[in-house]
Amino acid sequence: MRSSKSALAAAALALAAVGCTTGPEDRPVDPDVKFPPKPKDCKIEVLRERPKRDYVEIAEIQRLVTTPNASPEMFRETACGLGADAVIVLRDFVTNQLEQKLIAVMAIKYRDEL
C-alpha cells in the first residue's frame, strides 16, 4: 500500500541539519507504524525510481548539505535505524549559488520482508 501522505511530506522542506541522525527533517508517513531497527551499517538499496515490489513507505528523510560529494548514500544509518530495506530518491539537486544541496529520500520496507 503506497500512502498518499508522501505528497504532503514532500511539500514540506526543512532547511537545517547536516548529519544523518533522525531529526526534524524526517517525516514519518504514519507515526504509529514502526519497524525494528537494523544495525547502522545494514545494506540499503538506493533506488532512483519506485520499485515494482510491493512496499510500505516509512518516512521521508531530507537534508540540506554543503558537502560537495553528498549523495543519497548518506541516509544509510538513518534508514537502517528506521528498519528500512531501501530508499527511493525524491530530490537530489543544488539549491543555490553556495552550492548547498537538497537531498530527500523515502525510506521503504518491502512487504515480503515483513
N, C-alpha and C. Protein backbone atom coordinates (compact mmCIF):
# COMPACT_ATOMS: atom_id res chain seq x y z
N MET A 1 0.84 -1.18 0.00
CA MET A 1 0.00 0.00 0.00
C MET A 1 0.88 1.23 0.00
N ARG A 2 0.82 2.00 -1.02
CA ARG A 2 1.61 3.22 -1.09
C ARG A 2 0.75 4.36 -0.57
N SER A 3 1.27 5.11 0.34
CA SER A 3 0.49 6.14 1.02
C SER A 3 0.47 7.44 0.25
N SER A 4 -0.68 8.10 0.23
CA SER A 4 -0.76 9.42 -0.38
C SER A 4 -0.21 10.49 0.54
N LYS A 5 0.09 10.12 1.78
CA LYS A 5 0.66 11.07 2.73
C LYS A 5 2.05 11.53 2.29
N SER A 6 2.71 10.76 1.43
CA SER A 6 4.05 11.15 1.00
C SER A 6 4.01 12.45 0.21
N ALA A 7 2.90 12.74 -0.45
CA ALA A 7 2.79 14.01 -1.18
C ALA A 7 2.83 15.18 -0.21
N LEU A 8 2.17 15.03 0.93
CA LEU A 8 2.21 16.08 1.95
C LEU A 8 3.61 16.23 2.52
N ALA A 9 4.26 15.11 2.78
CA ALA A 9 5.62 15.16 3.33
C ALA A 9 6.58 15.79 2.32
N ALA A 10 6.38 15.52 1.04
CA ALA A 10 7.27 16.07 0.02
C ALA A 10 7.12 17.58 -0.10
N ALA A 11 5.97 18.11 0.26
CA ALA A 11 5.74 19.55 0.16
C ALA A 11 6.46 20.34 1.24
N ALA A 12 6.78 19.68 2.34
CA ALA A 12 7.42 20.38 3.46
C ALA A 12 8.93 20.24 3.36
N LEU A 13 9.62 21.34 3.18
CA LEU A 13 11.08 21.33 3.10
C LEU A 13 11.65 21.95 4.36
N ALA A 14 12.52 21.22 5.02
CA ALA A 14 13.20 21.78 6.19
C ALA A 14 14.57 22.26 5.75
N LEU A 15 15.02 23.36 6.29
CA LEU A 15 16.30 23.93 5.87
C LEU A 15 17.30 23.91 7.01
N ALA A 16 17.70 22.73 7.44
CA ALA A 16 18.69 22.64 8.51
C ALA A 16 19.33 21.27 8.52
N ALA A 17 20.27 21.10 9.42
CA ALA A 17 20.92 19.84 9.76
C ALA A 17 21.77 19.27 8.67
N VAL A 18 22.96 18.93 9.02
CA VAL A 18 23.87 18.30 8.09
C VAL A 18 24.11 16.87 8.53
N GLY A 19 23.68 16.20 9.38
CA GLY A 19 24.06 14.84 9.70
C GLY A 19 23.10 13.85 9.16
N CYS A 20 23.22 12.65 9.63
CA CYS A 20 22.29 11.59 9.24
C CYS A 20 21.56 11.08 10.46
N THR A 21 21.38 11.89 11.44
CA THR A 21 20.62 11.48 12.61
C THR A 21 19.15 11.80 12.37
N THR A 22 18.28 11.08 13.04
CA THR A 22 16.87 11.38 12.92
C THR A 22 16.65 12.76 13.47
N GLY A 23 15.92 13.57 12.75
CA GLY A 23 15.73 14.94 13.18
C GLY A 23 14.44 15.51 12.66
N PRO A 24 14.26 16.82 12.81
CA PRO A 24 13.01 17.44 12.40
C PRO A 24 12.76 17.39 10.90
N GLU A 25 13.80 17.09 10.11
CA GLU A 25 13.62 16.97 8.67
C GLU A 25 13.07 15.60 8.27
N ASP A 26 12.97 14.69 9.21
CA ASP A 26 12.47 13.35 8.93
C ASP A 26 10.97 13.34 9.20
N ARG A 27 10.21 12.96 8.18
CA ARG A 27 8.76 12.99 8.27
C ARG A 27 8.19 11.58 8.14
N PRO A 28 7.79 10.98 9.27
CA PRO A 28 7.18 9.65 9.19
C PRO A 28 5.88 9.72 8.39
N VAL A 29 5.65 8.72 7.57
CA VAL A 29 4.41 8.65 6.81
C VAL A 29 3.26 8.35 7.77
N ASP A 30 3.46 7.40 8.67
CA ASP A 30 2.49 7.07 9.71
C ASP A 30 3.26 6.87 11.00
N PRO A 31 3.19 7.84 11.93
CA PRO A 31 3.98 7.75 13.16
C PRO A 31 3.69 6.50 14.00
N ASP A 32 2.55 5.86 13.77
CA ASP A 32 2.20 4.66 14.53
C ASP A 32 2.83 3.40 13.96
N VAL A 33 3.36 3.47 12.75
CA VAL A 33 3.97 2.30 12.12
C VAL A 33 5.48 2.36 12.35
N LYS A 34 6.00 1.39 13.08
CA LYS A 34 7.43 1.33 13.37
C LYS A 34 7.93 -0.08 13.09
N PHE A 35 9.17 -0.14 12.64
CA PHE A 35 9.82 -1.42 12.37
C PHE A 35 11.05 -1.53 13.25
N PRO A 36 11.45 -2.75 13.59
CA PRO A 36 12.66 -2.91 14.41
C PRO A 36 13.87 -2.33 13.68
N PRO A 37 14.73 -1.59 14.39
CA PRO A 37 15.92 -1.03 13.75
C PRO A 37 16.89 -2.13 13.33
N LYS A 38 17.65 -1.83 12.31
CA LYS A 38 18.70 -2.72 11.83
C LYS A 38 20.04 -2.14 12.28
N PRO A 39 21.12 -2.91 12.19
CA PRO A 39 22.45 -2.37 12.52
C PRO A 39 22.76 -1.15 11.65
N LYS A 40 23.54 -0.22 12.18
CA LYS A 40 23.86 1.05 11.49
C LYS A 40 24.45 0.85 10.11
N ASP A 41 25.16 -0.25 9.91
CA ASP A 41 25.82 -0.49 8.62
C ASP A 41 25.05 -1.49 7.75
N CYS A 42 23.74 -1.61 7.96
CA CYS A 42 22.96 -2.57 7.19
C CYS A 42 22.96 -2.21 5.71
N LYS A 43 22.59 -3.17 4.89
CA LYS A 43 22.54 -2.95 3.44
C LYS A 43 21.23 -2.25 3.10
N ILE A 44 21.34 -1.12 2.42
CA ILE A 44 20.17 -0.35 1.99
C ILE A 44 20.28 -0.13 0.48
N GLU A 45 19.24 -0.49 -0.25
CA GLU A 45 19.22 -0.21 -1.68
C GLU A 45 18.91 1.27 -1.89
N VAL A 46 19.60 1.92 -2.81
CA VAL A 46 19.31 3.29 -3.19
C VAL A 46 18.68 3.23 -4.58
N LEU A 47 17.41 3.59 -4.66
CA LEU A 47 16.65 3.48 -5.90
C LEU A 47 16.35 4.85 -6.48
N ARG A 48 16.42 4.98 -7.77
CA ARG A 48 16.10 6.25 -8.46
C ARG A 48 14.66 6.28 -8.95
N GLU A 49 13.98 5.16 -8.85
CA GLU A 49 12.55 5.11 -9.19
C GLU A 49 11.87 4.10 -8.28
N ARG A 50 10.55 4.18 -8.23
CA ARG A 50 9.80 3.29 -7.33
C ARG A 50 9.96 1.84 -7.78
N PRO A 51 10.16 0.93 -6.83
CA PRO A 51 10.35 -0.48 -7.20
C PRO A 51 9.04 -1.14 -7.62
N LYS A 52 9.17 -2.21 -8.35
CA LYS A 52 7.98 -2.96 -8.76
C LYS A 52 7.45 -3.81 -7.61
N ARG A 53 8.33 -4.16 -6.66
CA ARG A 53 7.91 -4.93 -5.48
C ARG A 53 6.97 -4.08 -4.63
N ASP A 54 6.05 -4.71 -3.96
CA ASP A 54 5.14 -4.00 -3.06
C ASP A 54 5.90 -3.58 -1.81
N TYR A 55 5.62 -2.39 -1.32
CA TYR A 55 6.35 -1.86 -0.17
C TYR A 55 5.48 -0.94 0.66
N VAL A 56 5.99 -0.63 1.84
CA VAL A 56 5.36 0.32 2.76
C VAL A 56 6.30 1.50 2.89
N GLU A 57 5.76 2.71 2.77
CA GLU A 57 6.57 3.91 2.97
C GLU A 57 6.71 4.15 4.47
N ILE A 58 7.93 4.36 4.93
CA ILE A 58 8.19 4.56 6.36
C ILE A 58 8.31 6.04 6.68
N ALA A 59 9.23 6.74 6.00
CA ALA A 59 9.45 8.15 6.31
C ALA A 59 10.21 8.83 5.19
N GLU A 60 9.93 10.12 5.02
CA GLU A 60 10.75 10.93 4.13
C GLU A 60 11.88 11.51 4.97
N ILE A 61 13.09 11.38 4.47
CA ILE A 61 14.28 11.87 5.16
C ILE A 61 14.93 12.89 4.22
N GLN A 62 15.21 14.08 4.73
CA GLN A 62 15.85 15.07 3.86
C GLN A 62 16.86 15.88 4.62
N ARG A 63 17.86 16.35 3.89
CA ARG A 63 18.92 17.17 4.47
C ARG A 63 19.32 18.23 3.46
N LEU A 64 19.65 19.40 3.96
CA LEU A 64 20.29 20.43 3.18
C LEU A 64 21.75 20.38 3.58
N VAL A 65 22.62 20.07 2.63
CA VAL A 65 24.02 19.84 2.95
C VAL A 65 24.92 20.75 2.13
N THR A 66 26.12 20.97 2.64
CA THR A 66 27.10 21.77 1.92
C THR A 66 28.27 20.93 1.43
N THR A 67 28.26 19.66 1.72
CA THR A 67 29.32 18.76 1.27
C THR A 67 29.16 18.51 -0.23
N PRO A 68 30.15 18.85 -1.04
CA PRO A 68 30.02 18.72 -2.49
C PRO A 68 29.76 17.29 -2.97
N ASN A 69 30.31 16.32 -2.28
CA ASN A 69 30.14 14.94 -2.73
C ASN A 69 29.01 14.22 -1.99
N ALA A 70 28.09 14.96 -1.39
CA ALA A 70 26.96 14.34 -0.68
C ALA A 70 26.10 13.56 -1.68
N SER A 71 25.58 12.44 -1.21
CA SER A 71 24.74 11.60 -2.05
C SER A 71 23.68 10.93 -1.19
N PRO A 72 22.70 10.30 -1.81
CA PRO A 72 21.67 9.59 -1.03
C PRO A 72 22.23 8.49 -0.13
N GLU A 73 23.46 8.04 -0.41
CA GLU A 73 24.10 7.04 0.46
C GLU A 73 24.23 7.55 1.90
N MET A 74 24.24 8.87 2.08
CA MET A 74 24.41 9.44 3.42
C MET A 74 23.24 9.11 4.34
N PHE A 75 22.15 8.58 3.81
CA PHE A 75 20.98 8.26 4.61
C PHE A 75 20.98 6.83 5.14
N ARG A 76 22.04 6.09 4.84
CA ARG A 76 22.09 4.68 5.22
C ARG A 76 21.82 4.47 6.71
N GLU A 77 22.54 5.16 7.57
CA GLU A 77 22.41 4.95 9.01
C GLU A 77 20.99 5.28 9.49
N THR A 78 20.43 6.38 9.01
CA THR A 78 19.08 6.76 9.42
C THR A 78 18.07 5.73 8.92
N ALA A 79 18.19 5.31 7.66
CA ALA A 79 17.26 4.33 7.10
C ALA A 79 17.36 3.00 7.83
N CYS A 80 18.58 2.58 8.16
CA CYS A 80 18.76 1.34 8.93
C CYS A 80 18.08 1.46 10.29
N GLY A 81 18.22 2.61 10.93
CA GLY A 81 17.58 2.83 12.22
C GLY A 81 16.07 2.78 12.16
N LEU A 82 15.50 3.07 11.00
CA LEU A 82 14.06 3.01 10.80
C LEU A 82 13.60 1.61 10.40
N GLY A 83 14.55 0.69 10.18
CA GLY A 83 14.20 -0.67 9.76
C GLY A 83 13.93 -0.79 8.27
N ALA A 84 14.38 0.18 7.49
CA ALA A 84 14.11 0.20 6.04
C ALA A 84 14.95 -0.83 5.29
N ASP A 85 14.43 -1.22 4.12
CA ASP A 85 15.16 -2.10 3.21
C ASP A 85 15.79 -1.30 2.07
N ALA A 86 15.20 -0.14 1.77
CA ALA A 86 15.66 0.66 0.64
C ALA A 86 15.24 2.12 0.85
N VAL A 87 15.83 3.00 0.04
CA VAL A 87 15.39 4.38 -0.03
C VAL A 87 15.16 4.73 -1.50
N ILE A 88 14.12 5.51 -1.75
CA ILE A 88 13.82 6.00 -3.09
C ILE A 88 14.22 7.47 -3.12
N VAL A 89 15.06 7.85 -4.06
CA VAL A 89 15.50 9.24 -4.16
C VAL A 89 14.33 10.08 -4.68
N LEU A 90 13.97 11.08 -3.89
CA LEU A 90 12.89 12.00 -4.27
C LEU A 90 13.45 13.29 -4.86
N ARG A 91 14.51 13.81 -4.23
CA ARG A 91 15.14 15.05 -4.69
C ARG A 91 16.64 14.93 -4.45
N ASP A 92 17.41 15.49 -5.38
CA ASP A 92 18.87 15.49 -5.26
C ASP A 92 19.38 16.58 -6.21
N PHE A 93 19.47 17.81 -5.70
CA PHE A 93 19.88 18.91 -6.56
C PHE A 93 20.53 20.04 -5.75
N VAL A 94 21.32 20.85 -6.44
CA VAL A 94 21.95 22.02 -5.84
C VAL A 94 20.88 23.10 -5.78
N THR A 95 20.77 23.76 -4.60
CA THR A 95 19.67 24.69 -4.38
C THR A 95 20.03 26.16 -4.58
N ASN A 96 21.33 26.52 -4.49
CA ASN A 96 21.66 27.94 -4.57
C ASN A 96 23.11 28.13 -5.01
N GLN A 97 23.53 29.40 -5.05
CA GLN A 97 24.88 29.72 -5.50
C GLN A 97 25.95 29.28 -4.51
N LEU A 98 25.56 29.00 -3.28
CA LEU A 98 26.52 28.50 -2.30
C LEU A 98 26.74 27.00 -2.46
N GLU A 99 26.09 26.44 -3.46
CA GLU A 99 26.17 25.02 -3.78
C GLU A 99 25.68 24.12 -2.66
N GLN A 100 24.72 24.64 -1.89
CA GLN A 100 24.05 23.76 -0.94
C GLN A 100 23.20 22.79 -1.74
N LYS A 101 23.13 21.59 -1.24
CA LYS A 101 22.43 20.53 -1.96
C LYS A 101 21.28 20.02 -1.10
N LEU A 102 20.11 19.90 -1.70
CA LEU A 102 18.96 19.32 -1.01
C LEU A 102 18.83 17.88 -1.49
N ILE A 103 18.88 16.97 -0.55
CA ILE A 103 18.70 15.55 -0.87
C ILE A 103 17.56 15.03 -0.01
N ALA A 104 16.61 14.38 -0.64
CA ALA A 104 15.49 13.79 0.08
C ALA A 104 15.23 12.39 -0.46
N VAL A 105 14.94 11.48 0.44
CA VAL A 105 14.64 10.10 0.08
C VAL A 105 13.42 9.63 0.86
N MET A 106 12.74 8.62 0.35
CA MET A 106 11.67 7.96 1.06
C MET A 106 12.20 6.59 1.51
N ALA A 107 12.25 6.37 2.82
CA ALA A 107 12.66 5.08 3.35
C ALA A 107 11.47 4.13 3.22
N ILE A 108 11.75 2.92 2.70
CA ILE A 108 10.67 1.95 2.49
C ILE A 108 11.04 0.59 3.07
N LYS A 109 10.00 -0.19 3.33
CA LYS A 109 10.13 -1.58 3.79
C LYS A 109 9.38 -2.45 2.80
N TYR A 110 10.06 -3.43 2.22
CA TYR A 110 9.39 -4.35 1.31
C TYR A 110 8.39 -5.21 2.07
N ARG A 111 7.19 -5.37 1.51
CA ARG A 111 6.13 -6.15 2.18
C ARG A 111 6.56 -7.62 2.36
N ASP A 112 7.30 -8.17 1.40
CA ASP A 112 7.70 -9.57 1.54
C ASP A 112 8.79 -9.75 2.58
N GLU A 113 9.31 -8.66 3.15
CA GLU A 113 10.31 -8.72 4.21
C GLU A 113 9.67 -8.53 5.59
N LEU A 114 8.36 -8.30 5.62
CA LEU A 114 7.66 -8.08 6.91
C LEU A 114 7.51 -9.36 7.68
